[in-house]
Amino acid sequence: MLSRRAFVKSASVLSAGVLAAPALLAKGQTDIGLQLYTLREAMQKDPVGTLAQVAKLGYTTVEGATYTGSLKYYDMTPAAFAQALKKAGLRMPSSHYLLGEQQNNGQPTAGTILHGWDKAVDDAAEVGIKYMVCAWLTESERGSLDHYKLLAERLNKAGERCKKAGIQLCYHNHDFEFMAQDGKLPYDVLLSTDKDLVKMELDLYWATKAGHDPVALFSKHPGRFPLWHVKDMAKTPPHSFTEVGNGSIDFKRIFAQAKTSGLKHFFVEQDQTPGSPFDSIQQSISYIKRTLV
């Protein structure tokens, strides 16, 4: 997981996506997105070419994962990366960031919520990002419920800064936030943040694997989940990541509650793939177009 967060993770194409997505259009949704961590190796080697391939497969938006530490987007300045996205016919409405409580070789990590957040927000605005997402907590950043309460305060403060730039702060879950402490879930502590300043990017895989129903979360906290990670869970142990539609998660039931959740964007993600990640994301988007939108 730490390695993941170290990366932290054309008009004709858009027209094709719109024509293939009548159900989502009825809900104000026209995009199928991809979390670029899925293609992390390709993005390191050839980000421009990789973005072009993503668009060719029918994705219209992407979510970034590399700003923390580098202060760049895939080794490009905000302006240069914005141009690369435009050339590919893609938009990046969301990007991932780290908290920054844990130091790197005794030094604070730049481009995090706790270190250099002002610059991170300004750079995000230049790229056109509308959602900045706290992507992952290291083990030392988790701790007790009191530590999560401190995190909630920090998220509220970071969310205030985002709001000034017209950006929404979100929090992306894994499974550890659903592990009860003294009868209370850390995730519930995070949901106690200001509902306007801090919203959630619900990772459907991790919530489901932790034994929680995404639809029940939407019903309990309507409008709080503008972003989703759409990743499927294999039907057999160890229930690892698999292509969307290839596993056990009932996406039809979940997508039917998009309006209740407040969904604005969703991103396909597959942390590991059995072969080429391009084959996997093609399989996922084909299922989504055929079955969900």
C-alpha atoms as a PDB file:
ATOM      1  CA  MET A   1       0.000   0.000   0.000  1.00  0.00           C
ATOM      2  CA  LEU A   2       2.807   2.437   0.774  1.00  0.00           C
ATOM      3  CA  SER A   3       4.228   1.958  -2.687  1.00  0.00           C
ATOM      4  CA  ARG A   4       0.857   2.872  -4.135  1.00  0.00           C
ATOM      5  CA  ARG A   5       0.697   6.146  -2.266  1.00  0.00           C
ATOM      6  CA  ALA A   6       4.253   6.983  -3.251  1.00  0.00           C
ATOM      7  CA  PHE A   7       2.842   7.336  -6.757  1.00  0.00           C
ATOM      8  CA  VAL A   8       0.124   9.112  -4.738  1.00  0.00           C
ATOM      9  CA  LYS A   9      -1.871   7.419  -7.016  1.00  0.00           C
ATOM     10  CA  SER A  10     -11.111  14.014 -27.888  1.00  0.00           C
ATOM     11  CA  ALA A  11     -14.385  15.128 -28.827  1.00  0.00           C
ATOM     12  CA  SER A  12     -15.024  11.901 -30.781  1.00  0.00           C
ATOM     13  CA  VAL A  13     -14.187   9.804 -27.757  1.00  0.00           C
ATOM     14  CA  LEU A  14     -16.491  11.888 -25.580  1.00  0.00           C
ATOM     15  CA  SER A  15     -19.303  11.570 -28.104  1.00  0.00           C
ATOM     16  CA  ALA A  16     -18.918   7.789 -28.137  1.00  0.00           C
ATOM     17  CA  GLY A  17     -19.024   7.732 -24.342  1.00  0.00           C
ATOM     18  CA  VAL A  18     -22.173   9.863 -24.257  1.00  0.00           C
ATOM     19  CA  LEU A  19     -23.969   7.674 -26.776  1.00  0.00           C
ATOM     20  CA  ALA A  20     -23.067   4.590 -24.759  1.00  0.00           C
ATOM     21  CA  ALA A  21     -24.306   6.027 -21.476  1.00  0.00           C
ATOM     22  CA  PRO A  22     -27.991   6.974 -21.617  1.00  0.00           C
ATOM     23  CA  ALA A  23     -28.732   5.845 -18.052  1.00  0.00           C
ATOM     24  CA  LEU A  24     -26.009   7.996 -16.540  1.00  0.00           C
ATOM     25  CA  LEU A  25     -26.995  10.947 -18.669  1.00  0.00           C
ATOM     26  CA  ALA A  26     -30.378  10.849 -16.992  1.00  0.00           C
ATOM     27  CA  LYS A  27     -28.566  11.371 -13.682  1.00  0.00           C
ATOM     28  CA  GLY A  28     -26.236  14.056 -14.998  1.00  0.00           C
ATOM     29  CA  GLN A  29     -23.378  11.607 -15.525  1.00  0.00           C
ATOM     30  CA  THR A  30     -21.519  11.416 -18.811  1.00  0.00           C
ATOM     31  CA  ASP A  31     -18.073  10.187 -17.767  1.00  0.00           C
ATOM     32  CA  ILE A  32     -16.346   6.896 -17.124  1.00  0.00           C
ATOM     33  CA  GLY A  33     -13.119   7.516 -15.246  1.00  0.00           C
ATOM     34  CA  LEU A  34      -9.906   5.651 -14.498  1.00  0.00           C
ATOM     35  CA  GLN A  35      -7.653   5.918 -11.456  1.00  0.00           C
ATOM     36  CA  LEU A  36      -4.215   6.150 -13.078  1.00  0.00           C
ATOM     37  CA  TYR A  37      -2.569   4.067 -10.361  1.00  0.00           C
ATOM     38  CA  THR A  38      -3.884   1.096 -12.326  1.00  0.00           C
ATOM     39  CA  LEU A  39      -1.451   2.084 -15.111  1.00  0.00           C
ATOM     40  CA  ARG A  40       1.344   3.340 -12.844  1.00  0.00           C
ATOM     41  CA  GLU A  41       4.213   1.666 -14.710  1.00  0.00           C
ATOM     42  CA  ALA A  42       3.008   2.840 -18.106  1.00  0.00           C
ATOM     43  CA  MET A  43       2.430   6.349 -16.752  1.00  0.00           C
ATOM     44  CA  GLN A  44       6.017   6.436 -15.480  1.00  0.00           C
ATOM     45  CA  LYS A  45       7.445   5.385 -18.832  1.00  0.00           C
ATOM     46  CA  ASP A  46       5.210   7.293 -21.246  1.00  0.00           C
ATOM     47  CA  PRO A  47       2.504   9.416 -19.631  1.00  0.00           C
ATOM     48  CA  VAL A  48       1.453  11.186 -22.828  1.00  0.00           C
ATOM     49  CA  GLY A  49       1.145   7.975 -24.827  1.00  0.00           C
ATOM     50  CA  THR A  50      -0.621   6.226 -21.963  1.00  0.00           C
ATOM     51  CA  LEU A  51      -3.212   8.990 -21.652  1.00  0.00           C
ATOM     52  CA  ALA A  52      -3.914   8.664 -25.365  1.00  0.00           C
ATOM     53  CA  GLN A  53      -4.487   4.923 -24.966  1.00  0.00           C
ATOM     54  CA  VAL A  54      -6.830   5.527 -22.019  1.00  0.00           C
ATOM     55  CA  ALA A  55      -8.926   7.905 -24.115  1.00  0.00           C
ATOM     56  CA  LYS A  56      -8.945   5.473 -27.046  1.00  0.00           C
ATOM     57  CA  LEU A  57     -10.487   2.821 -24.798  1.00  0.00           C
ATOM     58  CA  GLY A  58     -13.379   5.174 -24.066  1.00  0.00           C
ATOM     59  CA  TYR A  59     -12.476   6.686 -20.710  1.00  0.00           C
ATOM     60  CA  THR A  60     -13.212  10.405 -20.510  1.00  0.00           C
ATOM     61  CA  THR A  61     -11.767  11.291 -17.103  1.00  0.00           C
ATOM     62  CA  VAL A  62      -8.831  10.188 -14.981  1.00  0.00           C
ATOM     63  CA  GLU A  63      -7.806  10.508 -11.343  1.00  0.00           C
ATOM     64  CA  GLY A  64      -4.204  11.305 -10.482  1.00  0.00           C
ATOM     65  CA  ALA A  65      -1.911   9.780  -7.866  1.00  0.00           C
ATOM     66  CA  THR A  66       1.579  11.282  -8.000  1.00  0.00           C
ATOM     67  CA  TYR A  67       1.605  14.849  -6.694  1.00  0.00           C
ATOM     68  CA  THR A  68       2.652  14.134  -3.088  1.00  0.00           C
ATOM     69  CA  GLY A  69       6.407  14.405  -2.692  1.00  0.00           C
ATOM     70  CA  SER A  70       7.127  15.286  -6.315  1.00  0.00           C
ATOM     71  CA  LEU A  71       4.947  18.427  -6.519  1.00  0.00           C
ATOM     72  CA  LYS A  72       4.380  17.361 -10.117  1.00  0.00           C
ATOM     73  CA  TYR A  73       1.837  15.368 -12.059  1.00  0.00           C
ATOM     74  CA  TYR A  74       3.629  12.443 -13.658  1.00  0.00           C
ATOM     75  CA  ASP A  75       6.863  14.446 -13.768  1.00  0.00           C
ATOM     76  CA  MET A  76       5.103  17.397 -15.409  1.00  0.00           C
ATOM     77  CA  THR A  77       4.307  20.867 -14.113  1.00  0.00           C
ATOM     78  CA  PRO A  78       0.608  21.641 -13.640  1.00  0.00           C
ATOM     79  CA  ALA A  79       0.540  23.639 -16.891  1.00  0.00           C
ATOM     80  CA  ALA A  80       2.304  20.937 -18.889  1.00  0.00           C
ATOM     81  CA  PHE A  81       0.098  18.179 -17.502  1.00  0.00           C
ATOM     82  CA  ALA A  82      -3.029  20.194 -18.210  1.00  0.00           C
ATOM     83  CA  GLN A  83      -1.894  20.412 -21.833  1.00  0.00           C
ATOM     84  CA  ALA A  84      -1.203  16.664 -21.956  1.00  0.00           C
ATOM     85  CA  LEU A  85      -4.729  15.977 -20.719  1.00  0.00           C
ATOM     86  CA  LYS A  86      -6.203  18.369 -23.271  1.00  0.00           C
ATOM     87  CA  LYS A  87      -4.237  16.750 -26.092  1.00  0.00           C
ATOM     88  CA  ALA A  88      -5.610  13.343 -25.094  1.00  0.00           C
ATOM     89  CA  GLY A  89      -9.172  14.647 -24.831  1.00  0.00           C
ATOM     90  CA  LEU A  90      -9.312  13.831 -21.114  1.00  0.00           C
ATOM     91  CA  ARG A  91     -10.108  15.731 -17.923  1.00  0.00           C
ATOM     92  CA  MET A  92      -8.774  15.085 -14.431  1.00  0.00           C
ATOM     93  CA  PRO A  93     -11.480  16.186 -11.982  1.00  0.00           C
ATOM     94  CA  SER A  94      -9.869  14.424  -9.024  1.00  0.00           C
ATOM     95  CA  SER A  95      -6.420  13.632  -7.650  1.00  0.00           C
ATOM     96  CA  HIS A  96      -4.987  11.828  -4.623  1.00  0.00           C
ATOM     97  CA  TYR A  97      -2.787  13.256  -1.854  1.00  0.00           C
ATOM     98  CA  LEU A  98      -1.303  12.073   1.430  1.00  0.00           C
ATOM     99  CA  LEU A  99      -1.831  13.402   4.942  1.00  0.00           C
ATOM    100  CA  GLY A 100       1.878  14.025   5.562  1.00  0.00           C
ATOM    101  CA  GLU A 101       2.035  13.232   9.270  1.00  0.00           C
ATOM    102  CA  GLN A 102       4.611  10.518   8.659  1.00  0.00           C
ATOM    103  CA  GLN A 103       7.993  11.919   7.706  1.00  0.00           C
ATOM    104  CA  ASN A 104      10.358  10.715   5.004  1.00  0.00           C
ATOM    105  CA  ASN A 105      13.919  10.237   6.274  1.00  0.00           C
ATOM    106  CA  GLY A 106      13.151  12.588   9.134  1.00  0.00           C
ATOM    107  CA  GLN A 107      11.839  15.286   6.827  1.00  0.00           C
ATOM    108  CA  PRO A 108       8.252  16.353   6.161  1.00  0.00           C
ATOM    109  CA  THR A 109       6.830  15.351   2.804  1.00  0.00           C
ATOM    110  CA  ALA A 110       5.843  18.286   0.618  1.00  0.00           C
ATOM    111  CA  GLY A 111       2.567  18.450  -1.225  1.00  0.00           C
ATOM    112  CA  THR A 112       0.567  16.930   1.624  1.00  0.00           C
ATOM    113  CA  ILE A 113      -2.349  18.101   3.721  1.00  0.00           C
ATOM    114  CA  LEU A 114       0.014  19.028   6.556  1.00  0.00           C
ATOM    115  CA  HIS A 115       2.947  20.340   4.515  1.00  0.00           C
ATOM    116  CA  GLY A 116       2.598  22.657   1.547  1.00  0.00           C
ATOM    117  CA  TRP A 117      -1.155  22.372   1.178  1.00  0.00           C
ATOM    118  CA  ASP A 118      -1.528  25.930  -0.139  1.00  0.00           C
ATOM    119  CA  LYS A 119       0.711  25.173  -3.111  1.00  0.00           C
ATOM    120  CA  ALA A 120      -0.996  21.807  -3.656  1.00  0.00           C
ATOM    121  CA  VAL A 121      -4.384  23.527  -3.843  1.00  0.00           C
ATOM    122  CA  ASP A 122      -3.109  26.232  -6.191  1.00  0.00           C
ATOM    123  CA  ASP A 123      -1.511  23.636  -8.482  1.00  0.00           C
ATOM    124  CA  ALA A 124      -4.683  21.535  -8.469  1.00  0.00           C
ATOM    125  CA  ALA A 125      -6.721  24.553  -9.506  1.00  0.00           C
ATOM    126  CA  GLU A 126      -4.324  25.161 -12.417  1.00  0.00           C
ATOM    127  CA  VAL A 127      -4.877  21.610 -13.691  1.00  0.00           C
ATOM    128  CA  GLY A 128      -8.643  21.960 -13.340  1.00  0.00           C
ATOM    129  CA  ILE A 129      -8.996  19.521 -10.452  1.00  0.00           C
ATOM    130  CA  LYS A 130     -12.284  19.838  -8.560  1.00  0.00           C
ATOM    131  CA  TYR A 131     -11.741  17.153  -5.907  1.00  0.00           C
ATOM    132  CA  MET A 132      -8.601  16.724  -3.784  1.00  0.00           C
ATOM    133  CA  VAL A 133      -8.656  13.379  -2.010  1.00  0.00           C
ATOM    134  CA  CYS A 134      -6.865  12.211   1.133  1.00  0.00           C
ATOM    135  CA  ALA A 135      -5.927   8.850  -0.305  1.00  0.00           C
ATOM    136  CA  TRP A 136      -4.310   6.735   2.385  1.00  0.00           C
ATOM    137  CA  LEU A 137      -3.169   6.686   5.995  1.00  0.00           C
ATOM    138  CA  THR A 138       0.040   4.969   7.012  1.00  0.00           C
ATOM    139  CA  GLU A 139      -0.171   2.781  10.113  1.00  0.00           C
ATOM    140  CA  SER A 140       1.314   5.536  12.271  1.00  0.00           C
ATOM    141  CA  GLU A 141      -1.318   7.979  10.979  1.00  0.00           C
ATOM    142  CA  ARG A 142      -4.207   5.810  12.141  1.00  0.00           C
ATOM    143  CA  GLY A 143      -3.993   4.989  15.840  1.00  0.00           C
ATOM    144  CA  SER A 144      -6.763   5.515  18.367  1.00  0.00           C
ATOM    145  CA  LEU A 145     -10.178   7.098  17.973  1.00  0.00           C
ATOM    146  CA  ASP A 146      -8.696  10.278  19.453  1.00  0.00           C
ATOM    147  CA  HIS A 147      -6.128  10.274  16.653  1.00  0.00           C
ATOM    148  CA  TYR A 148      -8.946   9.977  14.117  1.00  0.00           C
ATOM    149  CA  LYS A 149     -10.688  12.903  15.817  1.00  0.00           C
ATOM    150  CA  LEU A 150      -7.506  14.943  15.301  1.00  0.00           C
ATOM    151  CA  LEU A 151      -7.516  13.842  11.662  1.00  0.00           C
ATOM    152  CA  ALA A 152     -11.124  14.997  11.342  1.00  0.00           C
ATOM    153  CA  GLU A 153     -10.107  18.455  12.587  1.00  0.00           C
ATOM    154  CA  ARG A 154      -7.246  18.548  10.097  1.00  0.00           C
ATOM    155  CA  LEU A 155      -9.529  17.524   7.253  1.00  0.00           C
ATOM    156  CA  ASN A 156     -11.984  20.288   8.120  1.00  0.00           C
ATOM    157  CA  LYS A 157      -9.163  22.828   8.019  1.00  0.00           C
ATOM    158  CA  ALA A 158      -7.814  21.482   4.728  1.00  0.00           C
ATOM    159  CA  GLY A 159     -11.347  21.486   3.344  1.00  0.00           C
ATOM    160  CA  GLU A 160     -11.712  25.177   4.173  1.00  0.00           C
ATOM    161  CA  ARG A 161      -8.617  25.941   2.100  1.00  0.00           C
ATOM    162  CA  CYS A 162      -9.938  23.859  -0.781  1.00  0.00           C
ATOM    163  CA  LYS A 163     -13.299  25.610  -0.663  1.00  0.00           C
ATOM    164  CA  LYS A 164     -11.618  28.998  -1.166  1.00  0.00           C
ATOM    165  CA  ALA A 165     -10.269  27.676  -4.469  1.00  0.00           C
ATOM    166  CA  GLY A 166     -13.580  26.151  -5.558  1.00  0.00           C
ATOM    167  CA  ILE A 167     -12.344  22.632  -4.804  1.00  0.00           C
ATOM    168  CA  GLN A 168     -13.975  19.905  -2.707  1.00  0.00           C
ATOM    169  CA  LEU A 169     -11.899  17.863  -0.238  1.00  0.00           C
ATOM    170  CA  CYS A 170     -12.714  14.152   0.016  1.00  0.00           C
ATOM    171  CA  TYR A 171     -11.451  11.144   1.973  1.00  0.00           C
ATOM    172  CA  HIS A 172     -10.789   7.766   0.325  1.00  0.00           C
ATOM    173  CA  ASN A 173     -11.241   4.665   2.469  1.00  0.00           C
ATOM    174  CA  HIS A 174      -9.597   1.291   2.686  1.00  0.00           C
ATOM    175  CA  ASP A 175     -10.771  -1.408   5.102  1.00  0.00           C
ATOM    176  CA  PHE A 176      -9.012  -0.338   8.308  1.00  0.00           C
ATOM    177  CA  GLU A 177     -11.395   2.580   8.847  1.00  0.00           C
ATOM    178  CA  PHE A 178     -14.156  -0.004   9.373  1.00  0.00           C
ATOM    179  CA  MET A 179     -12.339  -1.863  12.157  1.00  0.00           C
ATOM    180  CA  ALA A 180     -14.204  -1.027  15.382  1.00  0.00           C
ATOM    181  CA  GLN A 181     -12.444   0.515  18.361  1.00  0.00           C
ATOM    182  CA  ASP A 182     -14.373   0.582  21.655  1.00  0.00           C
ATOM    183  CA  GLY A 183     -17.543  -0.137  19.724  1.00  0.00           C
ATOM    184  CA  LYS A 184     -17.076   2.745  17.285  1.00  0.00           C
ATOM    185  CA  LEU A 185     -15.817   2.851  13.716  1.00  0.00           C
ATOM    186  CA  PRO A 186     -13.029   5.249  12.757  1.00  0.00           C
ATOM    187  CA  TYR A 187     -15.007   5.825   9.554  1.00  0.00           C
ATOM    188  CA  ASP A 188     -17.882   7.228  11.597  1.00  0.00           C
ATOM    189  CA  VAL A 189     -15.434   9.641  13.235  1.00  0.00           C
ATOM    190  CA  LEU A 190     -14.358  10.798   9.783  1.00  0.00           C
ATOM    191  CA  LEU A 191     -17.994  11.198   8.782  1.00  0.00           C
ATOM    192  CA  SER A 192     -18.386  13.569  11.742  1.00  0.00           C
ATOM    193  CA  THR A 193     -16.419  16.168   9.777  1.00  0.00           C
ATOM    194  CA  ASP A 194     -18.269  19.129   8.310  1.00  0.00           C
ATOM    195  CA  LYS A 195     -20.388  17.557   5.568  1.00  0.00           C
ATOM    196  CA  ASP A 196     -19.830  20.516   3.260  1.00  0.00           C
ATOM    197  CA  LEU A 197     -16.074  20.778   3.760  1.00  0.00           C
ATOM    198  CA  VAL A 198     -15.269  17.046   3.687  1.00  0.00           C
ATOM    199  CA  LYS A 199     -16.985  14.501   1.488  1.00  0.00           C
ATOM    200  CA  MET A 200     -16.101  10.892   0.742  1.00  0.00           C
ATOM    201  CA  GLU A 201     -14.683   8.919  -2.120  1.00  0.00           C
ATOM    202  CA  LEU A 202     -16.125   5.488  -1.378  1.00  0.00           C
ATOM    203  CA  ASP A 203     -13.938   2.607  -2.465  1.00  0.00           C
ATOM    204  CA  LEU A 204     -16.618   0.020  -3.194  1.00  0.00           C
ATOM    205  CA  TYR A 205     -14.179  -2.878  -2.986  1.00  0.00           C
ATOM    206  CA  TRP A 206     -12.700  -2.006   0.396  1.00  0.00           C
ATOM    207  CA  ALA A 207     -16.031  -1.110   1.990  1.00  0.00           C
ATOM    208  CA  THR A 208     -17.546  -4.373   0.772  1.00  0.00           C
ATOM    209  CA  LYS A 209     -14.547  -6.439   1.848  1.00  0.00           C
ATOM    210  CA  ALA A 210     -14.808  -4.869   5.306  1.00  0.00           C
ATOM    211  CA  GLY A 211     -18.384  -6.131   5.516  1.00  0.00           C
ATOM    212  CA  HIS A 212     -20.218  -2.853   4.908  1.00  0.00           C
ATOM    213  CA  ASP A 213     -22.940  -2.207   2.371  1.00  0.00           C
ATOM    214  CA  PRO A 214     -22.315   0.850   0.166  1.00  0.00           C
ATOM    215  CA  VAL A 215     -26.054   1.312  -0.363  1.00  0.00           C
ATOM    216  CA  ALA A 216     -26.643   1.438   3.402  1.00  0.00           C
ATOM    217  CA  LEU A 217     -23.914   4.083   3.699  1.00  0.00           C
ATOM    218  CA  PHE A 218     -25.559   6.157   0.972  1.00  0.00           C
ATOM    219  CA  SER A 219     -28.923   5.938   2.732  1.00  0.00           C
ATOM    220  CA  LYS A 220     -27.452   6.935   6.078  1.00  0.00           C
ATOM    221  CA  HIS A 221     -25.381   9.792   4.655  1.00  0.00           C
ATOM    222  CA  PRO A 222     -27.121  10.964   1.462  1.00  0.00           C
ATOM    223  CA  GLY A 223     -25.147  13.257  -0.775  1.00  0.00           C
ATOM    224  CA  ARG A 224     -21.883  12.587   1.047  1.00  0.00           C
ATOM    225  CA  PHE A 225     -20.283  10.363  -1.603  1.00  0.00           C
ATOM    226  CA  PRO A 226     -19.630  12.327  -4.824  1.00  0.00           C
ATOM    227  CA  LEU A 227     -16.765  10.026  -5.841  1.00  0.00           C
ATOM    228  CA  TRP A 228     -16.540   6.228  -6.093  1.00  0.00           C
ATOM    229  CA  HIS A 229     -13.758   3.781  -6.820  1.00  0.00           C
ATOM    230  CA  VAL A 230     -15.321   1.048  -8.919  1.00  0.00           C
ATOM    231  CA  LYS A 231     -13.285  -2.103  -8.436  1.00  0.00           C
ATOM    232  CA  ASP A 232     -14.518  -5.657  -8.172  1.00  0.00           C
ATOM    233  CA  MET A 233     -13.742  -8.437  -5.691  1.00  0.00           C
ATOM    234  CA  ALA A 234     -12.888 -11.964  -6.812  1.00  0.00           C
ATOM    235  CA  LYS A 235     -15.476 -14.568  -5.847  1.00  0.00           C
ATOM    236  CA  THR A 236     -12.966 -16.958  -4.281  1.00  0.00           C
ATOM    237  CA  PRO A 237     -10.378 -16.470  -1.494  1.00  0.00           C
ATOM    238  CA  PRO A 238      -8.372 -14.347  -0.978  1.00  0.00           C
ATOM    239  CA  HIS A 239     -11.032 -12.176  -2.668  1.00  0.00           C
ATOM    240  CA  SER A 240      -8.466  -9.993  -4.386  1.00  0.00           C
ATOM    241  CA  PHE A 241      -8.992  -7.332  -7.047  1.00  0.00           C
ATOM    242  CA  THR A 242     -10.531  -8.308 -10.359  1.00  0.00           C
ATOM    243  CA  GLU A 243     -12.028  -6.673 -13.443  1.00  0.00           C
ATOM    244  CA  VAL A 244     -15.373  -4.934 -13.004  1.00  0.00           C
ATOM    245  CA  GLY A 245     -18.144  -7.452 -13.667  1.00  0.00           C
ATOM    246  CA  ASN A 246     -15.837 -10.395 -13.082  1.00  0.00           C
ATOM    247  CA  GLY A 247     -16.358 -10.616  -9.333  1.00  0.00           C
ATOM    248  CA  SER A 248     -18.937 -10.671  -6.565  1.00  0.00           C
ATOM    249  CA  ILE A 249     -19.924  -7.008  -6.067  1.00  0.00           C
ATOM    250  CA  ASP A 250     -23.483  -6.173  -7.156  1.00  0.00           C
ATOM    251  CA  PHE A 251     -22.740  -3.008  -9.113  1.00  0.00           C
ATOM    252  CA  LYS A 252     -26.231  -2.797 -10.623  1.00  0.00           C
ATOM    253  CA  ARG A 253     -27.703  -2.414  -7.140  1.00  0.00           C
ATOM    254  CA  ILE A 254     -25.081   0.170  -6.179  1.00  0.00           C
ATOM    255  CA  PHE A 255     -25.350   2.238  -9.368  1.00  0.00           C
ATOM    256  CA  ALA A 256     -29.118   2.374  -8.913  1.00  0.00           C
ATOM    257  CA  GLN A 257     -28.424   4.522  -5.826  1.00  0.00           C
ATOM    258  CA  ALA A 258     -26.098   6.992  -7.560  1.00  0.00           C
ATOM    259  CA  LYS A 259     -28.463   9.898  -6.950  1.00  0.00           C
ATOM    260  CA  THR A 260     -28.773   9.114  -3.229  1.00  0.00           C
ATOM    261  CA  SER A 261     -24.997   8.964  -2.863  1.00  0.00           C
ATOM    262  CA  GLY A 262     -24.531  12.324  -4.596  1.00  0.00           C
ATOM    263  CA  LEU A 263     -22.315  10.711  -7.243  1.00  0.00           C
ATOM    264  CA  LYS A 264     -20.463  13.099  -9.560  1.00  0.00           C
ATOM    265  CA  HIS A 265     -17.566  10.947 -10.811  1.00  0.00           C
ATOM    266  CA  PHE A 266     -16.515   7.321 -10.572  1.00  0.00           C
ATOM    267  CA  PHE A 267     -13.141   5.816 -11.379  1.00  0.00           C
ATOM    268  CA  VAL A 268     -12.306   2.258 -12.339  1.00  0.00           C
ATOM    269  CA  GLU A 269      -9.344   0.974 -10.355  1.00  0.00           C
ATOM    270  CA  GLN A 270      -7.579  -2.373 -10.227  1.00  0.00           C
ATOM    271  CA  ASP A 271      -4.520  -2.400  -7.993  1.00  0.00           C
ATOM    272  CA  GLN A 272      -3.174  -5.616  -9.486  1.00  0.00           C
ATOM    273  CA  THR A 273      -4.027  -7.268 -12.790  1.00  0.00           C
ATOM    274  CA  PRO A 274      -3.381 -10.841 -13.986  1.00  0.00           C
ATOM    275  CA  GLY A 275      -1.835  -9.627 -17.242  1.00  0.00           C
ATOM    276  CA  SER A 276      -1.642  -6.331 -19.061  1.00  0.00           C
ATOM    277  CA  PRO A 277      -3.494  -3.636 -17.098  1.00  0.00           C
ATOM    278  CA  PHE A 278      -4.728  -2.278 -20.443  1.00  0.00           C
ATOM    279  CA  ASP A 279      -6.542  -5.568 -21.067  1.00  0.00           C
ATOM    280  CA  SER A 280      -8.115  -5.353 -17.618  1.00  0.00           C
ATOM    281  CA  ILE A 281      -9.323  -1.773 -17.948  1.00  0.00           C
ATOM    282  CA  GLN A 282     -10.730  -2.555 -21.387  1.00  0.00           C
ATOM    283  CA  GLN A 283     -12.678  -5.476 -19.913  1.00  0.00           C
ATOM    284  CA  SER A 284     -13.941  -3.258 -17.100  1.00  0.00           C
ATOM    285  CA  ILE A 285     -15.149  -0.413 -19.307  1.00  0.00           C
ATOM    286  CA  SER A 286     -16.834  -2.836 -21.694  1.00  0.00           C
ATOM    287  CA  TYR A 287     -18.839  -4.289 -18.792  1.00  0.00           C
ATOM    288  CA  ILE A 288     -19.708  -0.822 -17.477  1.00  0.00           C
ATOM    289  CA  LYS A 289     -20.947   0.405 -20.858  1.00  0.00           C
ATOM    290  CA  ARG A 290     -22.851  -2.798 -21.522  1.00  0.00           C
ATOM    291  CA  THR A 291     -24.405  -3.250 -18.084  1.00  0.00           C
ATOM    292  CA  LEU A 292     -24.245  -0.215 -15.807  1.00  0.00           C
ATOM    293  CA  VAL A 293     -24.629   2.964 -17.846  1.00  0.00           C
END
